[in-house]
Amino acid sequence: MTSIALFGTSADPPTAGHQKILCWLSYHYDWVMVWASDNPFKTHQTPLEHRAAMLRLLIEDIDPPRHNIQLRTELSNPRALMTAQTAHEYWSEAELTLVIGADLVEQLPRWYRVEELMQLVQLLVVPRPGYVLRQENLERLRQMGATVSIADLTVPDVSSTAYREEGDSDVIIPPIEAYIHREQLYECQDVSREKLPAH
């Protein structure tokens, strides 16, 4: 059976950590479908089309190229259930796995019609620095019908928030930093531009 990883992310902006996750997924699943989405629990600074464009740059920057990663903007929906239903319509014979960060495990039971979501997808939890995966939270998901796995992956301690708030250019890859400056997406770009060497 074809295995498909579903990886939606706020991507505000996408980071080097997101890129590492995509690479790892591409070696463990037949296909990786990625999209930018609005998280109902967050306030987003950047329009969705810019975040999708930055994700495309992130995928294109992977070296060596991984041809089983696809940007699928049609999967974008604030509600994971709607995304899973769309994916199931496209790939009804595939095994679908929804990829989530460890920071979402505790809030997941409050997601929209989460029991229905668990019937459509398996869950893969990606560890994140600073977030402890508590067994009671994982067990709660399993009691709700989820099939839960933990990714054997160490993700860099970087976050989109660190870039937005501090302009830390180490968080993002150069093509995305160039895009951010060109489109003037974040207030922090002025801070990070001051750090660039003069030509």
N, C-alpha and C. Protein backbone atom coordinates (compact mmCIF):
# COMPACT_ATOMS: atom_id res chain seq x y z
N MET A 1 0.84 -1.20 0.00
CA MET A 1 0.00 0.00 0.00
C MET A 1 0.88 1.26 0.00
N THR A 2 0.51 2.24 -0.79
CA THR A 2 1.25 3.49 -0.85
C THR A 2 1.12 4.24 0.46
N SER A 3 2.25 4.73 0.96
CA SER A 3 2.22 5.51 2.21
C SER A 3 2.42 6.98 1.88
N ILE A 4 1.57 7.81 2.45
CA ILE A 4 1.62 9.25 2.20
C ILE A 4 1.66 9.99 3.52
N ALA A 5 2.67 10.85 3.68
CA ALA A 5 2.76 11.73 4.84
C ALA A 5 2.11 13.06 4.49
N LEU A 6 1.24 13.51 5.36
CA LEU A 6 0.54 14.79 5.18
C LEU A 6 1.13 15.79 6.17
N PHE A 7 1.80 16.80 5.65
CA PHE A 7 2.51 17.73 6.52
C PHE A 7 2.07 19.16 6.23
N GLY A 8 1.09 19.62 7.00
CA GLY A 8 0.67 21.01 6.92
C GLY A 8 1.38 21.81 8.00
N THR A 9 1.73 23.03 7.68
CA THR A 9 2.44 23.86 8.64
C THR A 9 2.06 25.33 8.44
N SER A 10 2.12 26.08 9.52
CA SER A 10 1.83 27.51 9.41
C SER A 10 2.83 28.19 8.47
N ALA A 11 4.09 27.75 8.51
CA ALA A 11 5.13 28.25 7.58
C ALA A 11 5.20 29.77 7.58
N ASP A 12 5.33 30.34 8.77
CA ASP A 12 5.25 31.80 8.90
C ASP A 12 6.50 32.37 9.59
N PRO A 13 7.69 32.26 8.97
CA PRO A 13 8.03 31.60 7.70
C PRO A 13 8.48 30.15 7.94
N PRO A 14 8.58 29.35 6.87
CA PRO A 14 9.14 28.00 7.02
C PRO A 14 10.62 28.09 7.36
N THR A 15 11.09 27.16 8.19
CA THR A 15 12.45 27.23 8.72
C THR A 15 13.31 26.06 8.24
N ALA A 16 14.58 26.12 8.63
CA ALA A 16 15.48 25.00 8.36
C ALA A 16 14.99 23.73 9.06
N GLY A 17 14.29 23.89 10.17
CA GLY A 17 13.70 22.75 10.86
C GLY A 17 12.64 22.07 10.02
N HIS A 18 11.79 22.86 9.38
CA HIS A 18 10.78 22.30 8.48
C HIS A 18 11.45 21.52 7.35
N GLN A 19 12.55 22.06 6.84
CA GLN A 19 13.25 21.40 5.74
C GLN A 19 13.80 20.04 6.17
N LYS A 20 14.34 19.99 7.38
CA LYS A 20 14.87 18.71 7.87
C LYS A 20 13.75 17.69 8.04
N ILE A 21 12.60 18.14 8.53
CA ILE A 21 11.45 17.23 8.68
C ILE A 21 11.03 16.68 7.32
N LEU A 22 10.94 17.55 6.32
CA LEU A 22 10.54 17.11 4.98
C LEU A 22 11.52 16.07 4.43
N CYS A 23 12.81 16.33 4.61
CA CYS A 23 13.82 15.36 4.14
C CYS A 23 13.62 14.01 4.82
N TRP A 24 13.45 14.03 6.12
CA TRP A 24 13.28 12.78 6.88
C TRP A 24 12.03 12.04 6.39
N LEU A 25 10.94 12.77 6.24
CA LEU A 25 9.69 12.14 5.78
C LEU A 25 9.87 11.51 4.40
N SER A 26 10.63 12.19 3.54
CA SER A 26 10.78 11.70 2.16
C SER A 26 11.51 10.36 2.09
N TYR A 27 12.27 10.03 3.12
CA TYR A 27 12.96 8.74 3.17
C TYR A 27 12.13 7.66 3.86
N HIS A 28 11.03 8.05 4.50
CA HIS A 28 10.23 7.09 5.27
C HIS A 28 8.83 6.86 4.70
N TYR A 29 8.45 7.67 3.72
CA TYR A 29 7.13 7.53 3.10
C TYR A 29 7.28 7.57 1.59
N ASP A 30 6.32 6.95 0.89
CA ASP A 30 6.37 6.97 -0.57
C ASP A 30 6.22 8.39 -1.11
N TRP A 31 5.31 9.13 -0.48
CA TRP A 31 5.06 10.51 -0.90
C TRP A 31 4.92 11.39 0.33
N VAL A 32 5.33 12.65 0.17
CA VAL A 32 5.14 13.65 1.22
C VAL A 32 4.37 14.81 0.60
N MET A 33 3.20 15.08 1.14
CA MET A 33 2.37 16.18 0.66
C MET A 33 2.43 17.30 1.70
N VAL A 34 2.82 18.48 1.26
CA VAL A 34 3.03 19.59 2.19
C VAL A 34 2.24 20.81 1.73
N TRP A 35 1.79 21.59 2.68
CA TRP A 35 1.04 22.80 2.36
C TRP A 35 1.15 23.77 3.52
N ALA A 36 0.89 25.04 3.23
CA ALA A 36 0.80 26.06 4.27
C ALA A 36 -0.66 26.20 4.65
N SER A 37 -0.90 26.35 5.94
CA SER A 37 -2.29 26.46 6.39
C SER A 37 -2.41 27.48 7.51
N ASP A 38 -3.63 27.93 7.72
CA ASP A 38 -3.94 28.81 8.85
C ASP A 38 -4.31 27.94 10.04
N ASN A 39 -3.63 28.16 11.14
CA ASN A 39 -3.92 27.44 12.38
C ASN A 39 -4.95 28.25 13.17
N PRO A 40 -6.12 27.66 13.47
CA PRO A 40 -7.15 28.41 14.20
C PRO A 40 -6.68 28.88 15.57
N PHE A 41 -5.63 28.28 16.09
CA PHE A 41 -5.12 28.64 17.41
C PHE A 41 -4.05 29.73 17.35
N LYS A 42 -3.71 30.20 16.13
CA LYS A 42 -2.65 31.19 15.98
C LYS A 42 -3.14 32.39 15.19
N THR A 43 -2.42 33.50 15.36
CA THR A 43 -2.63 34.68 14.52
C THR A 43 -1.47 34.74 13.54
N HIS A 44 -1.79 34.84 12.26
CA HIS A 44 -0.74 34.81 11.23
C HIS A 44 -0.48 36.21 10.69
N GLN A 45 0.80 36.50 10.48
CA GLN A 45 1.19 37.81 9.98
C GLN A 45 1.19 37.88 8.47
N THR A 46 1.36 36.75 7.83
CA THR A 46 1.66 36.73 6.40
C THR A 46 0.56 36.03 5.61
N PRO A 47 0.12 36.60 4.48
CA PRO A 47 -0.90 35.95 3.66
C PRO A 47 -0.48 34.54 3.23
N LEU A 48 -1.46 33.68 3.08
CA LEU A 48 -1.23 32.27 2.79
C LEU A 48 -0.42 32.07 1.51
N GLU A 49 -0.67 32.88 0.49
CA GLU A 49 0.04 32.67 -0.78
C GLU A 49 1.55 32.90 -0.63
N HIS A 50 1.95 33.83 0.24
CA HIS A 50 3.38 34.04 0.48
C HIS A 50 3.98 32.85 1.22
N ARG A 51 3.24 32.31 2.18
CA ARG A 51 3.75 31.17 2.94
C ARG A 51 3.88 29.94 2.04
N ALA A 52 2.95 29.77 1.11
CA ALA A 52 3.05 28.67 0.16
C ALA A 52 4.26 28.86 -0.76
N ALA A 53 4.48 30.10 -1.20
CA ALA A 53 5.63 30.39 -2.07
C ALA A 53 6.94 30.08 -1.35
N MET A 54 7.00 30.40 -0.06
CA MET A 54 8.22 30.12 0.71
C MET A 54 8.41 28.62 0.90
N LEU A 55 7.32 27.88 1.07
CA LEU A 55 7.43 26.42 1.17
C LEU A 55 7.98 25.83 -0.13
N ARG A 56 7.55 26.38 -1.26
CA ARG A 56 8.06 25.90 -2.55
C ARG A 56 9.58 26.11 -2.62
N LEU A 57 10.03 27.27 -2.17
CA LEU A 57 11.47 27.54 -2.15
C LEU A 57 12.20 26.56 -1.23
N LEU A 58 11.56 26.25 -0.10
CA LEU A 58 12.16 25.32 0.86
C LEU A 58 12.36 23.94 0.24
N ILE A 59 11.34 23.47 -0.51
CA ILE A 59 11.42 22.16 -1.17
C ILE A 59 12.48 22.18 -2.27
N GLU A 60 12.49 23.25 -3.06
CA GLU A 60 13.43 23.34 -4.19
C GLU A 60 14.88 23.42 -3.71
N ASP A 61 15.09 23.86 -2.46
CA ASP A 61 16.43 24.02 -1.92
C ASP A 61 17.02 22.71 -1.39
N ILE A 62 16.20 21.66 -1.26
CA ILE A 62 16.69 20.40 -0.71
C ILE A 62 17.74 19.80 -1.64
N ASP A 63 18.87 19.41 -1.06
CA ASP A 63 19.99 18.88 -1.85
C ASP A 63 20.55 17.64 -1.15
N PRO A 64 20.57 16.48 -1.85
CA PRO A 64 20.09 16.28 -3.22
C PRO A 64 18.57 16.35 -3.29
N PRO A 65 18.02 16.67 -4.46
CA PRO A 65 16.56 16.82 -4.60
C PRO A 65 15.82 15.54 -4.20
N ARG A 66 14.67 15.73 -3.58
CA ARG A 66 13.80 14.61 -3.22
C ARG A 66 12.52 14.76 -4.04
N HIS A 67 12.34 13.88 -5.01
CA HIS A 67 11.26 14.04 -5.98
C HIS A 67 9.92 13.52 -5.49
N ASN A 68 9.88 13.01 -4.26
CA ASN A 68 8.59 12.53 -3.74
C ASN A 68 7.96 13.52 -2.77
N ILE A 69 8.44 14.76 -2.76
CA ILE A 69 7.83 15.82 -1.95
C ILE A 69 7.06 16.74 -2.88
N GLN A 70 5.79 16.96 -2.58
CA GLN A 70 4.96 17.83 -3.42
C GLN A 70 4.28 18.90 -2.58
N LEU A 71 4.29 20.13 -3.10
CA LEU A 71 3.50 21.19 -2.50
C LEU A 71 2.07 21.05 -3.02
N ARG A 72 1.12 20.85 -2.12
CA ARG A 72 -0.29 20.63 -2.52
C ARG A 72 -1.17 21.65 -1.81
N THR A 73 -1.29 22.83 -2.42
CA THR A 73 -2.03 23.92 -1.79
C THR A 73 -3.51 23.61 -1.64
N GLU A 74 -4.01 22.67 -2.46
CA GLU A 74 -5.44 22.34 -2.36
C GLU A 74 -5.79 21.61 -1.06
N LEU A 75 -4.77 21.15 -0.34
CA LEU A 75 -5.01 20.50 0.95
C LEU A 75 -5.12 21.50 2.10
N SER A 76 -4.84 22.76 1.83
CA SER A 76 -4.82 23.76 2.89
C SER A 76 -6.23 24.04 3.40
N ASN A 77 -6.39 23.89 4.71
CA ASN A 77 -7.66 24.19 5.37
C ASN A 77 -7.35 24.39 6.85
N PRO A 78 -7.99 25.37 7.49
CA PRO A 78 -7.74 25.55 8.92
C PRO A 78 -8.12 24.32 9.76
N ARG A 79 -9.00 23.48 9.24
CA ARG A 79 -9.42 22.29 9.98
C ARG A 79 -8.77 21.04 9.39
N ALA A 80 -8.05 20.33 10.22
CA ALA A 80 -7.32 19.14 9.76
C ALA A 80 -8.26 18.09 9.20
N LEU A 81 -9.48 18.01 9.74
CA LEU A 81 -10.43 17.02 9.24
C LEU A 81 -10.73 17.26 7.77
N MET A 82 -10.94 18.52 7.39
CA MET A 82 -11.24 18.83 5.99
C MET A 82 -10.06 18.47 5.08
N THR A 83 -8.87 18.75 5.55
CA THR A 83 -7.67 18.36 4.80
C THR A 83 -7.62 16.85 4.62
N ALA A 84 -7.86 16.11 5.72
CA ALA A 84 -7.80 14.64 5.66
C ALA A 84 -8.87 14.09 4.72
N GLN A 85 -10.05 14.69 4.73
CA GLN A 85 -11.12 14.23 3.84
C GLN A 85 -10.74 14.47 2.38
N THR A 86 -10.14 15.63 2.09
CA THR A 86 -9.70 15.91 0.73
C THR A 86 -8.62 14.92 0.30
N ALA A 87 -7.67 14.68 1.19
CA ALA A 87 -6.59 13.73 0.87
C ALA A 87 -7.15 12.33 0.63
N HIS A 88 -8.15 11.96 1.43
CA HIS A 88 -8.75 10.63 1.28
C HIS A 88 -9.48 10.51 -0.06
N GLU A 89 -10.07 11.59 -0.53
CA GLU A 89 -10.72 11.58 -1.84
C GLU A 89 -9.69 11.39 -2.95
N TYR A 90 -8.55 12.03 -2.82
CA TYR A 90 -7.49 11.93 -3.83
C TYR A 90 -6.81 10.56 -3.82
N TRP A 91 -6.52 10.08 -2.62
CA TRP A 91 -5.70 8.87 -2.49
C TRP A 91 -6.41 7.87 -1.60
N SER A 92 -7.55 7.40 -2.05
CA SER A 92 -8.42 6.55 -1.23
C SER A 92 -7.79 5.21 -0.89
N GLU A 93 -6.83 4.75 -1.71
CA GLU A 93 -6.20 3.45 -1.46
C GLU A 93 -4.91 3.57 -0.66
N ALA A 94 -4.50 4.78 -0.35
CA ALA A 94 -3.22 4.98 0.34
C ALA A 94 -3.40 4.98 1.85
N GLU A 95 -2.30 4.72 2.54
CA GLU A 95 -2.25 4.86 4.00
C GLU A 95 -1.79 6.28 4.30
N LEU A 96 -2.66 7.05 4.94
CA LEU A 96 -2.41 8.46 5.18
C LEU A 96 -1.93 8.68 6.61
N THR A 97 -0.86 9.44 6.75
CA THR A 97 -0.32 9.76 8.07
C THR A 97 -0.22 11.27 8.22
N LEU A 98 -0.90 11.80 9.21
CA LEU A 98 -0.84 13.23 9.50
C LEU A 98 0.34 13.50 10.42
N VAL A 99 1.20 14.42 10.00
CA VAL A 99 2.41 14.74 10.74
C VAL A 99 2.15 15.98 11.59
N ILE A 100 2.40 15.86 12.90
CA ILE A 100 2.20 17.00 13.79
C ILE A 100 3.43 17.18 14.68
N GLY A 101 3.65 18.40 15.12
CA GLY A 101 4.73 18.66 16.05
C GLY A 101 4.33 18.29 17.46
N ALA A 102 5.32 18.00 18.28
CA ALA A 102 5.06 17.62 19.68
C ALA A 102 4.29 18.71 20.43
N ASP A 103 4.43 19.96 19.99
CA ASP A 103 3.73 21.06 20.65
C ASP A 103 2.22 21.00 20.46
N LEU A 104 1.75 20.20 19.50
CA LEU A 104 0.31 20.12 19.23
C LEU A 104 -0.38 18.96 19.92
N VAL A 105 0.38 18.06 20.52
CA VAL A 105 -0.21 16.84 21.08
C VAL A 105 -1.24 17.16 22.16
N GLU A 106 -0.92 18.11 23.01
CA GLU A 106 -1.83 18.41 24.11
C GLU A 106 -3.13 19.06 23.64
N GLN A 107 -3.04 19.89 22.57
CA GLN A 107 -4.25 20.58 22.09
C GLN A 107 -5.07 19.74 21.12
N LEU A 108 -4.47 18.68 20.59
CA LEU A 108 -5.13 17.89 19.56
C LEU A 108 -6.53 17.40 19.95
N PRO A 109 -6.76 16.95 21.18
CA PRO A 109 -8.11 16.49 21.53
C PRO A 109 -9.18 17.58 21.40
N ARG A 110 -8.78 18.84 21.31
CA ARG A 110 -9.75 19.94 21.18
C ARG A 110 -10.00 20.30 19.72
N TRP A 111 -9.32 19.62 18.80
CA TRP A 111 -9.51 19.93 17.38
C TRP A 111 -10.92 19.55 16.94
N TYR A 112 -11.34 20.16 15.86
CA TYR A 112 -12.67 19.97 15.29
C TYR A 112 -12.90 18.51 14.90
N ARG A 113 -13.95 17.91 15.46
CA ARG A 113 -14.37 16.53 15.15
C ARG A 113 -13.18 15.57 15.05
N VAL A 114 -12.39 15.61 16.12
CA VAL A 114 -11.11 14.90 16.11
C VAL A 114 -11.26 13.39 15.97
N GLU A 115 -12.37 12.81 16.51
CA GLU A 115 -12.55 11.36 16.40
C GLU A 115 -12.68 10.94 14.94
N GLU A 116 -13.36 11.77 14.15
CA GLU A 116 -13.49 11.46 12.72
C GLU A 116 -12.13 11.56 12.02
N LEU A 117 -11.34 12.54 12.44
CA LEU A 117 -10.00 12.70 11.88
C LEU A 117 -9.16 11.44 12.12
N MET A 118 -9.25 10.90 13.34
CA MET A 118 -8.45 9.73 13.70
C MET A 118 -8.82 8.50 12.87
N GLN A 119 -10.02 8.47 12.34
CA GLN A 119 -10.45 7.34 11.52
C GLN A 119 -9.86 7.41 10.11
N LEU A 120 -9.46 8.61 9.70
CA LEU A 120 -8.96 8.80 8.33
C LEU A 120 -7.45 8.73 8.22
N VAL A 121 -6.76 9.08 9.32
CA VAL A 121 -5.29 9.16 9.26
C VAL A 121 -4.66 8.52 10.49
N GLN A 122 -3.43 8.07 10.31
CA GLN A 122 -2.58 7.77 11.44
C GLN A 122 -1.87 9.06 11.84
N LEU A 123 -1.25 9.07 13.01
CA LEU A 123 -0.53 10.25 13.49
C LEU A 123 0.96 9.95 13.62
N LEU A 124 1.77 10.88 13.16
CA LEU A 124 3.21 10.82 13.41
C LEU A 124 3.57 12.10 14.15
N VAL A 125 4.11 11.94 15.34
CA VAL A 125 4.49 13.09 16.16
C VAL A 125 5.99 13.34 15.99
N VAL A 126 6.33 14.57 15.62
CA VAL A 126 7.73 14.96 15.47
C VAL A 126 8.17 15.67 16.75
N PRO A 127 9.19 15.14 17.45
CA PRO A 127 9.68 15.81 18.66
C PRO A 127 10.16 17.22 18.35
N ARG A 128 9.95 18.13 19.32
CA ARG A 128 10.43 19.50 19.18
C ARG A 128 11.19 19.89 20.43
N PRO A 129 12.34 20.55 20.28
CA PRO A 129 13.08 21.01 21.45
C PRO A 129 12.19 21.88 22.35
N GLY A 130 12.24 21.62 23.64
CA GLY A 130 11.47 22.41 24.58
C GLY A 130 10.08 21.87 24.88
N TYR A 131 9.67 20.79 24.19
CA TYR A 131 8.35 20.21 24.42
C TYR A 131 8.52 18.75 24.86
N VAL A 132 7.98 18.45 26.02
CA VAL A 132 8.06 17.09 26.55
C VAL A 132 6.84 16.31 26.08
N LEU A 133 7.09 15.15 25.50
CA LEU A 133 5.98 14.28 25.09
C LEU A 133 5.54 13.47 26.29
N ARG A 134 4.40 13.79 26.83
CA ARG A 134 3.90 13.10 28.03
C ARG A 134 3.08 11.89 27.62
N GLN A 135 3.39 10.77 28.25
CA GLN A 135 2.71 9.52 27.91
C GLN A 135 1.21 9.62 28.11
N GLU A 136 0.77 10.36 29.12
CA GLU A 136 -0.68 10.46 29.36
C GLU A 136 -1.38 11.17 28.21
N ASN A 137 -0.69 12.14 27.57
CA ASN A 137 -1.29 12.83 26.42
C ASN A 137 -1.35 11.91 25.21
N LEU A 138 -0.30 11.13 25.00
CA LEU A 138 -0.30 10.17 23.89
C LEU A 138 -1.36 9.10 24.12
N GLU A 139 -1.48 8.65 25.36
CA GLU A 139 -2.47 7.62 25.68
C GLU A 139 -3.89 8.14 25.48
N ARG A 140 -4.08 9.40 25.80
CA ARG A 140 -5.41 9.99 25.59
C ARG A 140 -5.78 9.96 24.11
N LEU A 141 -4.81 10.26 23.25
CA LEU A 141 -5.07 10.20 21.81
C LEU A 141 -5.41 8.78 21.37
N ARG A 142 -4.68 7.81 21.90
CA ARG A 142 -4.95 6.41 21.54
C ARG A 142 -6.33 5.99 22.01
N GLN A 143 -6.75 6.48 23.17
CA GLN A 143 -8.09 6.15 23.66
C GLN A 143 -9.17 6.76 22.78
N MET A 144 -8.82 7.82 22.06
CA MET A 144 -9.77 8.46 21.14
C MET A 144 -9.75 7.77 19.78
N GLY A 145 -8.94 6.74 19.63
CA GLY A 145 -8.92 5.99 18.39
C GLY A 145 -7.71 6.24 17.51
N ALA A 146 -6.77 7.03 17.98
CA ALA A 146 -5.61 7.37 17.15
C ALA A 146 -4.58 6.25 17.14
N THR A 147 -3.95 6.08 15.98
CA THR A 147 -2.74 5.26 15.86
C THR A 147 -1.58 6.24 15.85
N VAL A 148 -0.76 6.21 16.90
CA VAL A 148 0.26 7.23 17.11
C VAL A 148 1.66 6.63 17.05
N SER A 149 2.54 7.26 16.26
CA SER A 149 3.96 6.92 16.22
C SER A 149 4.77 8.17 16.52
N ILE A 150 6.00 7.96 16.99
CA ILE A 150 6.91 9.07 17.26
C ILE A 150 8.06 9.00 16.26
N ALA A 151 8.33 10.10 15.59
CA ALA A 151 9.42 10.14 14.60
C ALA A 151 10.76 10.06 15.31
N ASP A 152 11.64 9.21 14.79
CA ASP A 152 13.00 9.08 15.31
C ASP A 152 13.85 10.14 14.63
N LEU A 153 13.68 11.37 15.08
CA LEU A 153 14.23 12.51 14.37
C LEU A 153 14.59 13.60 15.36
N THR A 154 15.75 14.20 15.20
CA THR A 154 16.15 15.34 16.02
C THR A 154 16.06 16.59 15.15
N VAL A 155 15.17 17.48 15.54
CA VAL A 155 14.93 18.70 14.76
C VAL A 155 15.75 19.84 15.36
N PRO A 156 16.36 20.69 14.51
CA PRO A 156 17.11 21.83 15.05
C PRO A 156 16.23 22.72 15.93
N ASP A 157 16.83 23.32 16.93
CA ASP A 157 16.10 24.18 17.85
C ASP A 157 15.91 25.55 17.21
N VAL A 158 15.07 25.58 16.19
CA VAL A 158 14.74 26.83 15.50
C VAL A 158 13.23 26.94 15.40
N SER A 159 12.73 28.17 15.31
CA SER A 159 11.29 28.34 15.19
C SER A 159 10.98 29.58 14.35
N SER A 160 9.82 29.56 13.73
CA SER A 160 9.36 30.71 12.96
C SER A 160 9.23 31.93 13.85
N THR A 161 8.78 31.71 15.08
CA THR A 161 8.61 32.82 16.02
C THR A 161 9.93 33.53 16.26
N ALA A 162 11.03 32.76 16.39
CA ALA A 162 12.34 33.36 16.62
C ALA A 162 12.72 34.29 15.47
N TYR A 163 12.36 33.91 14.25
CA TYR A 163 12.67 34.80 13.13
C TYR A 163 11.77 36.04 13.16
N ARG A 164 10.47 35.83 13.34
CA ARG A 164 9.55 36.97 13.31
C ARG A 164 9.88 37.99 14.40
N GLU A 165 10.24 37.50 15.58
CA GLU A 165 10.43 38.40 16.72
C GLU A 165 11.86 38.95 16.81
N GLU A 166 12.84 38.16 16.35
CA GLU A 166 14.23 38.56 16.56
C GLU A 166 15.01 38.74 15.26
N GLY A 167 14.43 38.31 14.13
CA GLY A 167 15.14 38.45 12.86
C GLY A 167 16.36 37.56 12.76
N ASP A 168 16.34 36.42 13.44
CA ASP A 168 17.49 35.51 13.45
C ASP A 168 17.57 34.78 12.11
N SER A 169 18.50 35.21 11.25
CA SER A 169 18.57 34.65 9.90
C SER A 169 19.09 33.22 9.88
N ASP A 170 19.65 32.72 11.01
CA ASP A 170 20.09 31.33 11.06
C ASP A 170 18.91 30.37 11.02
N VAL A 171 17.72 30.87 11.31
CA VAL A 171 16.51 30.05 11.38
C VAL A 171 16.05 29.62 9.99
N ILE A 172 16.30 30.46 8.99
CA ILE A 172 15.75 30.23 7.65
C ILE A 172 16.87 30.04 6.63
N ILE A 173 16.49 29.49 5.47
CA ILE A 173 17.47 29.27 4.40
C ILE A 173 17.59 30.53 3.55
N PRO A 174 18.74 30.75 2.89
CA PRO A 174 18.95 32.00 2.14
C PRO A 174 17.88 32.32 1.09
N PRO A 175 17.38 31.36 0.29
CA PRO A 175 16.36 31.75 -0.69
C PRO A 175 15.09 32.32 -0.04
N ILE A 176 14.74 31.81 1.14
CA ILE A 176 13.56 32.33 1.84
C ILE A 176 13.85 33.70 2.42
N GLU A 177 15.06 33.89 2.95
CA GLU A 177 15.41 35.22 3.46
C GLU A 177 15.36 36.25 2.34
N ALA A 178 15.85 35.89 1.16
CA ALA A 178 15.81 36.81 0.02
C ALA A 178 14.37 37.13 -0.36
N TYR A 179 13.51 36.12 -0.33
CA TYR A 179 12.09 36.32 -0.66
C TYR A 179 11.45 37.26 0.35
N ILE A 180 11.74 37.05 1.62
CA ILE A 180 11.17 37.88 2.68
C ILE A 180 11.57 39.34 2.48
N HIS A 181 12.84 39.57 2.19
CA HIS A 181 13.30 40.94 1.98
C HIS A 181 12.65 41.56 0.75
N ARG A 182 12.56 40.77 -0.33
CA ARG A 182 11.98 41.28 -1.57
C ARG A 182 10.51 41.67 -1.38
N GLU A 183 9.78 40.83 -0.65
CA GLU A 183 8.34 41.06 -0.46
C GLU A 183 8.04 41.88 0.79
N GLN A 184 9.07 42.18 1.58
CA GLN A 184 8.91 42.97 2.81
C GLN A 184 7.83 42.39 3.72
N LEU A 185 8.06 41.13 4.11
CA LEU A 185 7.01 40.39 4.82
C LEU A 185 6.98 40.60 6.33
N TYR A 186 8.13 40.85 6.93
CA TYR A 186 8.16 40.92 8.40
C TYR A 186 8.88 42.18 8.85
N GLU A 187 8.43 42.72 9.97
CA GLU A 187 9.09 43.90 10.53
C GLU A 187 10.55 43.59 10.86
N CYS A 188 10.81 42.34 11.27
CA CYS A 188 12.17 41.98 11.69
C CYS A 188 13.16 42.00 10.54
N GLN A 189 12.67 42.08 9.30
CA GLN A 189 13.60 42.04 8.16
C GLN A 189 14.58 43.21 8.23
N ASP A 190 14.15 44.34 8.76
CA ASP A 190 15.06 45.48 8.86
C ASP A 190 16.19 45.19 9.83
N VAL A 191 15.86 44.46 10.90
CA VAL A 191 16.88 44.08 11.87
C VAL A 191 17.89 43.13 11.24
N SER A 192 17.36 42.09 10.55
CA SER A 192 18.27 41.09 9.98
C SER A 192 19.06 41.66 8.81
N ARG A 193 18.49 42.64 8.09
CA ARG A 193 19.23 43.23 6.98
C ARG A 193 20.45 44.00 7.49
N GLU A 194 20.31 44.61 8.67
CA GLU A 194 21.43 45.35 9.24
C GLU A 194 22.60 44.42 9.53
N LYS A 195 22.30 43.12 9.74
CA LYS A 195 23.35 42.16 10.06
C LYS A 195 24.09 41.67 8.80
N LEU A 196 23.49 41.94 7.63
CA LEU A 196 24.10 41.44 6.40
C LEU A 196 25.38 42.22 6.09
N PRO A 197 26.40 41.54 5.56
CA PRO A 197 27.63 42.27 5.22
C PRO A 197 27.40 43.24 4.07
N ALA A 198 28.07 44.37 4.13
CA ALA A 198 27.93 45.38 3.08
C ALA A 198 28.67 44.91 1.83
N HIS A 199 28.11 45.20 0.65
CA HIS A 199 28.74 44.79 -0.61
C HIS A 199 29.57 45.94 -1.17
